[in-house]
């Protein structure tokens, strides 16, 4: 909707889109970190059972 408004000549719509995108980046960063850690842990458990990525050796 905001993109359409911008295309139709509403210059403020682009500013709002940029603000929303910046807020998404800031707010989604912690979620990305959690997802990355979960996927990393799953990978290690599936492919390197007993390996502790935090100590860098097998338990």
PDB file of N, CA and C in Angstrom:
ATOM      1  N   UNK A   1       0.808  -1.189   0.000  1.00  0.00           N
ATOM      2  CA  UNK A   1       0.000   0.000   0.000  1.00  0.00           C
ATOM      3  C   UNK A   1       0.857   1.261   0.000  1.00  0.00           C
ATOM      4  N   UNK A   2       1.866   1.312   0.890  1.00  0.00           N
ATOM      5  CA  UNK A   2       2.714   2.500   0.907  1.00  0.00           C
ATOM      6  C   UNK A   2       3.503   2.643  -0.389  1.00  0.00           C
ATOM      7  N   UNK A   3       3.933   1.511  -0.943  1.00  0.00           N
ATOM      8  CA  UNK A   3       4.679   1.590  -2.194  1.00  0.00           C
ATOM      9  C   UNK A   3       3.780   2.169  -3.290  1.00  0.00           C
ATOM     10  N   UNK A   4       2.535   1.728  -3.340  1.00  0.00           N
ATOM     11  CA  UNK A   4       1.601   2.281  -4.323  1.00  0.00           C
ATOM     12  C   UNK A   4       1.402   3.780  -4.105  1.00  0.00           C
ATOM     13  N   UNK A   5       1.294   4.174  -2.855  1.00  0.00           N
ATOM     14  CA  UNK A   5       1.127   5.594  -2.561  1.00  0.00           C
ATOM     15  C   UNK A   5       2.338   6.383  -3.056  1.00  0.00           C
ATOM     16  N   UNK A   6       3.517   5.837  -2.840  1.00  0.00           N
ATOM     17  CA  UNK A   6       4.729   6.500  -3.329  1.00  0.00           C
ATOM     18  C   UNK A   6       4.711   6.600  -4.853  1.00  0.00           C
ATOM     19  N   UNK A   7       4.346   5.495  -5.511  1.00  0.00           N
ATOM     20  CA  UNK A   7       4.294   5.519  -6.974  1.00  0.00           C
ATOM     21  C   UNK A   7       3.277   6.522  -7.498  1.00  0.00           C
ATOM     22  N   UNK A   8       2.257   6.782  -6.717  1.00  0.00           N
ATOM     23  CA  UNK A   8       1.223   7.732  -7.119  1.00  0.00           C
ATOM     24  C   UNK A   8       1.591   9.168  -6.744  1.00  0.00           C
ATOM     25  N   UNK A   9       2.811   9.349  -6.204  1.00  0.00           N
ATOM     26  CA  UNK A   9       3.281  10.703  -5.953  1.00  0.00           C
ATOM     27  C   UNK A   9       3.377  11.129  -4.501  1.00  0.00           C
ATOM     28  N   UNK A  10       3.025  10.268  -3.561  1.00  0.00           N
ATOM     29  CA  UNK A  10       3.120  10.611  -2.139  1.00  0.00           C
ATOM     30  C   UNK A  10       4.553  10.400  -1.675  1.00  0.00           C
ATOM     31  N   UNK A  11       5.331  11.476  -1.610  1.00  0.00           N
ATOM     32  CA  UNK A  11       6.749  11.390  -1.232  1.00  0.00           C
ATOM     33  C   UNK A  11       6.920  10.972   0.231  1.00  0.00           C
ATOM     34  N   UNK A  12       5.969  11.276   1.083  1.00  0.00           N
ATOM     35  CA  UNK A  12       6.053  10.867   2.488  1.00  0.00           C
ATOM     36  C   UNK A  12       5.919   9.352   2.649  1.00  0.00           C
ATOM     37  N   UNK A  13       5.264   8.709   1.708  1.00  0.00           N
ATOM     38  CA  UNK A  13       5.087   7.256   1.788  1.00  0.00           C
ATOM     39  C   UNK A  13       6.433   6.556   1.725  1.00  0.00           C
ATOM     40  N   UNK A  14       7.360   7.058   0.902  1.00  0.00           N
ATOM     41  CA  UNK A  14       8.687   6.441   0.823  1.00  0.00           C
ATOM     42  C   UNK A  14       9.421   6.587   2.151  1.00  0.00           C
ATOM     43  N   UNK A  15       9.324   7.738   2.773  1.00  0.00           N
ATOM     44  CA  UNK A  15       9.954   7.936   4.082  1.00  0.00           C
ATOM     45  C   UNK A  15       9.395   6.955   5.114  1.00  0.00           C
ATOM     46  N   UNK A  16       8.090   6.751   5.084  1.00  0.00           N
ATOM     47  CA  UNK A  16       7.475   5.793   6.014  1.00  0.00           C
ATOM     48  C   UNK A  16       7.935   4.374   5.726  1.00  0.00           C
ATOM     49  N   UNK A  17       8.033   4.020   4.453  1.00  0.00           N
ATOM     50  CA  UNK A  17       8.527   2.688   4.095  1.00  0.00           C
ATOM     51  C   UNK A  17       9.945   2.476   4.615  1.00  0.00           C
ATOM     52  N   UNK A  18      10.779   3.464   4.453  1.00  0.00           N
ATOM     53  CA  UNK A  18      12.160   3.356   4.937  1.00  0.00           C
ATOM     54  C   UNK A  18      12.182   3.221   6.449  1.00  0.00           C
ATOM     55  N   UNK A  19      11.363   3.986   7.142  1.00  0.00           N
ATOM     56  CA  UNK A  19      11.296   3.873   8.609  1.00  0.00           C
ATOM     57  C   UNK A  19      10.843   2.479   9.031  1.00  0.00           C
ATOM     58  N   UNK A  20       9.828   1.958   8.374  1.00  0.00           N
ATOM     59  CA  UNK A  20       9.338   0.621   8.707  1.00  0.00           C
ATOM     60  C   UNK A  20      10.398  -0.436   8.435  1.00  0.00           C
ATOM     61  N   UNK A  21      11.103  -0.309   7.325  1.00  0.00           N
ATOM     62  CA  UNK A  21      12.152  -1.276   6.996  1.00  0.00           C
ATOM     63  C   UNK A  21      13.286  -1.227   8.003  1.00  0.00           C
ATOM     64  N   UNK A  22      13.662  -0.041   8.436  1.00  0.00           N
ATOM     65  CA  UNK A  22      14.711   0.075   9.462  1.00  0.00           C
ATOM     66  C   UNK A  22      14.248  -0.583  10.763  1.00  0.00           C
ATOM     67  N   UNK A  23      13.016  -0.342  11.137  1.00  0.00           N
ATOM     68  CA  UNK A  23      12.483  -0.943  12.365  1.00  0.00           C
ATOM     69  C   UNK A  23      12.459  -2.465  12.242  1.00  0.00           C
ATOM     70  N   UNK A  24      12.100  -2.976  11.074  1.00  0.00           N
ATOM     71  CA  UNK A  24      12.111  -4.432  10.866  1.00  0.00           C
ATOM     72  C   UNK A  24      13.508  -4.990  11.050  1.00  0.00           C
ATOM     73  N   UNK A  25      14.505  -4.323  10.484  1.00  0.00           N
ATOM     74  CA  UNK A  25      15.878  -4.803  10.597  1.00  0.00           C
ATOM     75  C   UNK A  25      16.312  -4.859  12.058  1.00  0.00           C
ATOM     76  N   UNK A  26      16.035  -3.804  12.794  1.00  0.00           N
ATOM     77  CA  UNK A  26      16.427  -3.745  14.206  1.00  0.00           C
ATOM     78  C   UNK A  26      15.684  -4.797  15.015  1.00  0.00           C
ATOM     79  N   UNK A  27      14.378  -4.915  14.795  1.00  0.00           N
ATOM     80  CA  UNK A  27      13.569  -5.823  15.603  1.00  0.00           C
ATOM     81  C   UNK A  27      13.737  -7.285  15.217  1.00  0.00           C
ATOM     82  N   UNK A  28      14.088  -7.566  13.976  1.00  0.00           N
ATOM     83  CA  UNK A  28      14.245  -8.950  13.542  1.00  0.00           C
ATOM     84  C   UNK A  28      15.650  -9.495  13.816  1.00  0.00           C
ATOM     85  N   UNK A  29      16.609  -8.621  14.126  1.00  0.00           N
ATOM     86  CA  UNK A  29      17.979  -9.074  14.384  1.00  0.00           C
ATOM     87  C   UNK A  29      18.051 -10.087  15.527  1.00  0.00           C
ATOM     88  N   UNK A  30      17.421  -9.829  16.688  1.00  0.00           N
ATOM     89  CA  UNK A  30      17.477 -10.832  17.759  1.00  0.00           C
ATOM     90  C   UNK A  30      16.845 -12.167  17.354  1.00  0.00           C
ATOM     91  N   UNK A  31      15.780 -12.123  16.563  1.00  0.00           N
ATOM     92  CA  UNK A  31      15.142 -13.344  16.091  1.00  0.00           C
ATOM     93  C   UNK A  31      16.093 -14.120  15.179  1.00  0.00           C
ATOM     94  N   UNK A  32      16.813 -13.408  14.316  1.00  0.00           N
ATOM     95  CA  UNK A  32      17.782 -14.041  13.431  1.00  0.00           C
ATOM     96  C   UNK A  32      18.881 -14.718  14.247  1.00  0.00           C
ATOM     97  N   UNK A  33      19.344 -14.069  15.303  1.00  0.00           N
ATOM     98  CA  UNK A  33      20.380 -14.650  16.153  1.00  0.00           C
ATOM     99  C   UNK A  33      19.880 -15.943  16.807  1.00  0.00           C
ATOM    100  N   UNK A  34      18.660 -15.932  17.305  1.00  0.00           N
ATOM    101  CA  UNK A  34      18.089 -17.132  17.920  1.00  0.00           C
ATOM    102  C   UNK A  34      17.944 -18.260  16.901  1.00  0.00           C
ATOM    103  N   UNK A  35      17.459 -17.926  15.716  1.00  0.00           N
ATOM    104  CA  UNK A  35      17.279 -18.937  14.675  1.00  0.00           C
ATOM    105  C   UNK A  35      18.626 -19.513  14.250  1.00  0.00           C
ATOM    106  N   UNK A  36      19.628 -18.670  14.114  1.00  0.00           N
ATOM    107  CA  UNK A  36      20.957 -19.138  13.730  1.00  0.00           C
ATOM    108  C   UNK A  36      21.517 -20.099  14.771  1.00  0.00           C
ATOM    109  N   UNK A  37      21.412 -19.741  16.036  1.00  0.00           N
ATOM    110  CA  UNK A  37      21.920 -20.606  17.104  1.00  0.00           C
ATOM    111  C   UNK A  37      21.172 -21.936  17.124  1.00  0.00           C
ATOM    112  N   UNK A  38      19.863 -21.902  16.949  1.00  0.00           N
ATOM    113  CA  UNK A  38      19.082 -23.136  16.943  1.00  0.00           C
ATOM    114  C   UNK A  38      19.477 -24.029  15.768  1.00  0.00           C
ATOM    115  N   UNK A  39      19.648 -23.446  14.590  1.00  0.00           N
ATOM    116  CA  UNK A  39      20.034 -24.238  13.420  1.00  0.00           C
ATOM    117  C   UNK A  39      21.451 -24.788  13.569  1.00  0.00           C
ATOM    118  N   UNK A  40      22.352 -23.980  14.123  1.00  0.00           N
ATOM    119  CA  UNK A  40      23.727 -24.426  14.344  1.00  0.00           C
ATOM    120  C   UNK A  40      23.750 -25.602  15.320  1.00  0.00           C
ATOM    121  N   UNK A  41      23.016 -25.478  16.404  1.00  0.00           N
ATOM    122  CA  UNK A  41      22.975 -26.563  17.386  1.00  0.00           C
ATOM    123  C   UNK A  41      22.377 -27.829  16.787  1.00  0.00           C
ATOM    124  N   UNK A  42      21.329 -27.685  15.993  1.00  0.00           N
ATOM    125  CA  UNK A  42      20.714 -28.845  15.346  1.00  0.00           C
ATOM    126  C   UNK A  42      21.698 -29.510  14.392  1.00  0.00           C
ATOM    127  N   UNK A  43      22.402 -28.714  13.624  1.00  0.00           N
ATOM    128  CA  UNK A  43      23.400 -29.245  12.694  1.00  0.00           C
ATOM    129  C   UNK A  43      24.470 -30.036  13.433  1.00  0.00           C
ATOM    130  N   UNK A  44      24.996 -29.463  14.500  1.00  0.00           N
ATOM    131  CA  UNK A  44      26.030 -30.161  15.256  1.00  0.00           C
ATOM    132  C   UNK A  44      25.500 -31.451  15.861  1.00  0.00           C
ATOM    133  N   UNK A  45      24.286 -31.424  16.397  1.00  0.00           N
ATOM    134  CA  UNK A  45      23.727 -32.628  17.012  1.00  0.00           C
ATOM    135  C   UNK A  45      23.487 -33.725  15.981  1.00  0.00           C
ATOM    136  N   UNK A  46      23.056 -33.341  14.772  1.00  0.00           N
ATOM    137  CA  UNK A  46      22.769 -34.335  13.741  1.00  0.00           C
ATOM    138  C   UNK A  46      24.035 -34.912  13.125  1.00  0.00           C
ATOM    139  N   UNK A  47      25.032 -34.077  12.895  1.00  0.00           N
ATOM    140  CA  UNK A  47      26.202 -34.505  12.142  1.00  0.00           C
ATOM    141  C   UNK A  47      27.428 -34.777  13.005  1.00  0.00           C
ATOM    142  N   UNK A  48      27.450 -34.245  14.207  1.00  0.00           N
ATOM    143  CA  UNK A  48      28.586 -34.447  15.106  1.00  0.00           C
ATOM    144  C   UNK A  48      28.074 -34.748  16.516  1.00  0.00           C
ATOM    145  N   UNK A  49      27.405 -35.895  16.695  1.00  0.00           N
ATOM    146  CA  UNK A  49      26.856 -36.215  18.019  1.00  0.00           C
ATOM    147  C   UNK A  49      27.960 -36.189  19.084  1.00  0.00           C
ATOM    148  N   UNK A  50      27.654 -35.587  20.204  1.00  0.00           N
ATOM    149  CA  UNK A  50      28.598 -35.504  21.307  1.00  0.00           C
ATOM    150  C   UNK A  50      29.563 -34.340  21.195  1.00  0.00           C
ATOM    151  N   UNK A  51      29.599 -33.655  20.059  1.00  0.00           N
ATOM    152  CA  UNK A  51      30.494 -32.512  19.895  1.00  0.00           C
ATOM    153  C   UNK A  51      29.871 -31.299  20.535  1.00  0.00           C
ATOM    154  N   UNK A  52      30.666 -30.593  21.335  1.00  0.00           N
ATOM    155  CA  UNK A  52      30.193 -29.374  21.979  1.00  0.00           C
ATOM    156  C   UNK A  52      30.827 -28.174  21.266  1.00  0.00           C
ATOM    157  N   UNK A  53      30.055 -27.423  20.480  1.00  0.00           N
ATOM    158  CA  UNK A  53      30.635 -26.305  19.742  1.00  0.00           C
ATOM    159  C   UNK A  53      31.176 -25.199  20.646  1.00  0.00           C
ATOM    160  N   UNK A  54      30.765 -25.214  21.913  1.00  0.00           N
ATOM    161  CA  UNK A  54      31.240 -24.178  22.821  1.00  0.00           C
ATOM    162  C   UNK A  54      32.617 -24.487  23.397  1.00  0.00           C
ATOM    163  N   UNK A  55      32.911 -25.767  23.555  1.00  0.00           N
ATOM    164  CA  UNK A  55      34.238 -26.137  24.062  1.00  0.00           C
ATOM    165  C   UNK A  55      35.150 -26.597  22.936  1.00  0.00           C
ATOM    166  N   UNK A  56      34.579 -26.804  21.753  1.00  0.00           N
ATOM    167  CA  UNK A  56      35.330 -27.209  20.561  1.00  0.00           C
ATOM    168  C   UNK A  56      35.926 -28.624  20.676  1.00  0.00           C
ATOM    169  N   UNK A  57      35.285 -29.484  21.456  1.00  0.00           N
ATOM    170  CA  UNK A  57      35.702 -30.882  21.517  1.00  0.00           C
ATOM    171  C   UNK A  57      34.525 -31.772  21.911  1.00  0.00           C
ATOM    172  N   UNK A  58      34.746 -33.064  21.712  1.00  0.00           N
ATOM    173  CA  UNK A  58      33.686 -34.035  22.030  1.00  0.00           C
ATOM    174  C   UNK A  58      33.557 -34.183  23.538  1.00  0.00           C
ATOM    175  N   UNK A  59      32.337 -34.438  23.975  1.00  0.00           N
ATOM    176  CA  UNK A  59      32.100 -34.635  25.406  1.00  0.00           C
ATOM    177  C   UNK A  59      32.332 -36.076  25.780  1.00  0.00           C
TER     178      UNK A  59
END
